Amino acid sequence: MDVWRTPNGKPLTLAQVFDEIKAHVRDEGKVYVGTDSFVDKDRCAFATAICLHGARGQRGGKYFFVKFSIKDKIFRPWFKEFCAKFKTLSKSG
């Protein structure tokens, strides 16, 4: 499993991240999740962030992130298939 990290690079397990999220939600905080990717040479790199903001008594926010990559020879065929299916679905609806 990929390692989640805090802004200063401290590693966390997914269970630890979930514990932080549960505590944050109990304090009426909001949770935001975002993912981005880019193709670079022979791989596609992904990053996902979970941001916690607006809990009772919280100043600023808190976030966790994970990065991983997929080799181009695996990613390219999958992406072409995804685009073809998306194009078909967008025409039908």
C-alpha atoms as a PDB file:
ATOM      1  CA  MET A   1       0.000   0.000   0.000  1.00  0.00           C
ATOM      2  CA  ASP A   2       1.198   3.490  -0.786  1.00  0.00           C
ATOM      3  CA  VAL A   3       2.197   5.628   2.169  1.00  0.00           C
ATOM      4  CA  TRP A   4       0.173   8.717   3.046  1.00  0.00           C
ATOM      5  CA  ARG A   5       2.167  11.712   4.255  1.00  0.00           C
ATOM      6  CA  THR A   6       1.683  14.922   6.194  1.00  0.00           C
ATOM      7  CA  PRO A   7       2.982  18.236   4.757  1.00  0.00           C
ATOM      8  CA  ASN A   8       6.303  17.760   6.573  1.00  0.00           C
ATOM      9  CA  GLY A   9       6.703  14.268   5.104  1.00  0.00           C
ATOM     10  CA  LYS A  10       5.720  12.219   8.157  1.00  0.00           C
ATOM     11  CA  PRO A  11       4.395   8.840   6.946  1.00  0.00           C
ATOM     12  CA  LEU A  12       0.903   7.694   7.970  1.00  0.00           C
ATOM     13  CA  THR A  13      -1.108   4.560   7.365  1.00  0.00           C
ATOM     14  CA  LEU A  14      -4.515   4.864   5.748  1.00  0.00           C
ATOM     15  CA  ALA A  15      -6.032   3.848   9.110  1.00  0.00           C
ATOM     16  CA  GLN A  16      -4.301   6.805  10.790  1.00  0.00           C
ATOM     17  CA  VAL A  17      -5.629   9.157   8.106  1.00  0.00           C
ATOM     18  CA  PHE A  18      -9.151   7.776   8.642  1.00  0.00           C
ATOM     19  CA  ASP A  19      -8.832   8.339  12.399  1.00  0.00           C
ATOM     20  CA  GLU A  20      -7.895  11.981  11.744  1.00  0.00           C
ATOM     21  CA  ILE A  21     -10.853  12.371   9.369  1.00  0.00           C
ATOM     22  CA  LYS A  22     -13.322  10.845  11.857  1.00  0.00           C
ATOM     23  CA  ALA A  23     -12.155  13.170  14.645  1.00  0.00           C
ATOM     24  CA  HIS A  24     -12.340  16.156  12.283  1.00  0.00           C
ATOM     25  CA  VAL A  25     -15.894  15.326  11.174  1.00  0.00           C
ATOM     26  CA  ARG A  26     -16.975  14.880  14.818  1.00  0.00           C
ATOM     27  CA  ASP A  27     -15.849  18.491  15.302  1.00  0.00           C
ATOM     28  CA  GLU A  28     -18.086  19.534  12.380  1.00  0.00           C
ATOM     29  CA  GLY A  29     -15.192  19.993   9.963  1.00  0.00           C
ATOM     30  CA  LYS A  30     -15.355  19.630   6.194  1.00  0.00           C
ATOM     31  CA  VAL A  31     -13.368  17.112   4.165  1.00  0.00           C
ATOM     32  CA  TYR A  32     -12.152  17.787   0.622  1.00  0.00           C
ATOM     33  CA  VAL A  33     -10.545  15.205  -1.655  1.00  0.00           C
ATOM     34  CA  GLY A  34      -8.686  15.954  -4.865  1.00  0.00           C
ATOM     35  CA  THR A  35      -6.619  13.989  -7.359  1.00  0.00           C
ATOM     36  CA  ASP A  36      -4.410  15.086 -10.231  1.00  0.00           C
ATOM     37  CA  SER A  37      -2.123  13.346 -12.689  1.00  0.00           C
ATOM     38  CA  PHE A  38       0.446  14.016 -15.379  1.00  0.00           C
ATOM     39  CA  VAL A  39       2.253  11.961 -17.998  1.00  0.00           C
ATOM     40  CA  ASP A  40       6.042  12.163 -17.817  1.00  0.00           C
ATOM     41  CA  LYS A  41       8.317  10.165 -20.131  1.00  0.00           C
ATOM     42  CA  ASP A  42       7.506   6.508 -19.423  1.00  0.00           C
ATOM     43  CA  ARG A  43       4.976   6.861 -16.599  1.00  0.00           C
ATOM     44  CA  CYS A  44       1.803   8.547 -15.447  1.00  0.00           C
ATOM     45  CA  ALA A  45       2.152  10.062 -11.983  1.00  0.00           C
ATOM     46  CA  PHE A  46      -0.825  10.571  -9.671  1.00  0.00           C
ATOM     47  CA  ALA A  47      -1.259  12.527  -6.456  1.00  0.00           C
ATOM     48  CA  THR A  48      -4.261  12.489  -4.140  1.00  0.00           C
ATOM     49  CA  ALA A  49      -4.818  14.909  -1.265  1.00  0.00           C
ATOM     50  CA  ILE A  50      -7.322  14.855   1.591  1.00  0.00           C
ATOM     51  CA  CYS A  51      -7.825  18.299   3.120  1.00  0.00           C
ATOM     52  CA  LEU A  52      -9.514  18.991   6.458  1.00  0.00           C
ATOM     53  CA  HIS A  53     -10.886  22.442   7.114  1.00  0.00           C
ATOM     54  CA  GLY A  54     -13.382  24.321   9.255  1.00  0.00           C
ATOM     55  CA  ALA A  55     -13.710  22.209  12.388  1.00  0.00           C
ATOM     56  CA  ARG A  56     -14.740  23.835  15.665  1.00  0.00           C
ATOM     57  CA  GLY A  57     -11.757  25.704  17.082  1.00  0.00           C
ATOM     58  CA  GLN A  58      -9.533  24.911  14.107  1.00  0.00           C
ATOM     59  CA  ARG A  59      -7.193  27.576  12.773  1.00  0.00           C
ATOM     60  CA  GLY A  60      -6.050  26.943   9.228  1.00  0.00           C
ATOM     61  CA  GLY A  61      -6.320  23.490   7.750  1.00  0.00           C
ATOM     62  CA  LYS A  62      -4.679  20.111   7.672  1.00  0.00           C
ATOM     63  CA  TYR A  63      -3.936  17.834   4.748  1.00  0.00           C
ATOM     64  CA  PHE A  64      -2.515  14.449   3.819  1.00  0.00           C
ATOM     65  CA  PHE A  65      -1.291  13.253   0.449  1.00  0.00           C
ATOM     66  CA  VAL A  66      -0.156  10.162  -1.406  1.00  0.00           C
ATOM     67  CA  LYS A  67       1.759   9.877  -4.687  1.00  0.00           C
ATOM     68  CA  PHE A  68       2.141   6.909  -7.010  1.00  0.00           C
ATOM     69  CA  SER A  69       2.859   6.215 -10.654  1.00  0.00           C
ATOM     70  CA  ILE A  70       1.928   3.704 -13.334  1.00  0.00           C
ATOM     71  CA  LYS A  71       4.255   2.668 -16.146  1.00  0.00           C
ATOM     72  CA  ASP A  72       3.343   4.129 -19.524  1.00  0.00           C
ATOM     73  CA  LYS A  73       2.908   0.726 -21.197  1.00  0.00           C
ATOM     74  CA  ILE A  74       0.100  -0.026 -18.719  1.00  0.00           C
ATOM     75  CA  PHE A  75      -1.394   3.463 -18.603  1.00  0.00           C
ATOM     76  CA  ARG A  76      -1.605   4.336 -22.320  1.00  0.00           C
ATOM     77  CA  PRO A  77      -3.857   1.424 -23.425  1.00  0.00           C
ATOM     78  CA  TRP A  78      -6.132   1.957 -20.410  1.00  0.00           C
ATOM     79  CA  PHE A  79      -6.377   5.691 -21.105  1.00  0.00           C
ATOM     80  CA  LYS A  80      -7.224   5.153 -24.796  1.00  0.00           C
ATOM     81  CA  GLU A  81      -9.987   2.727 -23.816  1.00  0.00           C
ATOM     82  CA  PHE A  82     -11.307   5.162 -21.190  1.00  0.00           C
ATOM     83  CA  CYS A  83     -11.414   8.031 -23.718  1.00  0.00           C
ATOM     84  CA  ALA A  84     -13.232   5.902 -26.286  1.00  0.00           C
ATOM     85  CA  LYS A  85     -15.853   4.826 -23.727  1.00  0.00           C
ATOM     86  CA  PHE A  86     -16.262   8.386 -22.437  1.00  0.00           C
ATOM     87  CA  LYS A  87     -16.755   9.686 -25.973  1.00  0.00           C
ATOM     88  CA  THR A  88     -19.433   7.028 -26.608  1.00  0.00           C
ATOM     89  CA  LEU A  89     -21.206   7.790 -23.332  1.00  0.00           C
ATOM     90  CA  SER A  90     -21.155  11.550 -23.902  1.00  0.00           C
ATOM     91  CA  LYS A  91     -22.845  11.103 -27.288  1.00  0.00           C
ATOM     92  CA  SER A  92     -25.594   8.878 -25.856  1.00  0.00           C
ATOM     93  CA  GLY A  93     -26.739  11.088 -23.085  1.00  0.00           C
END
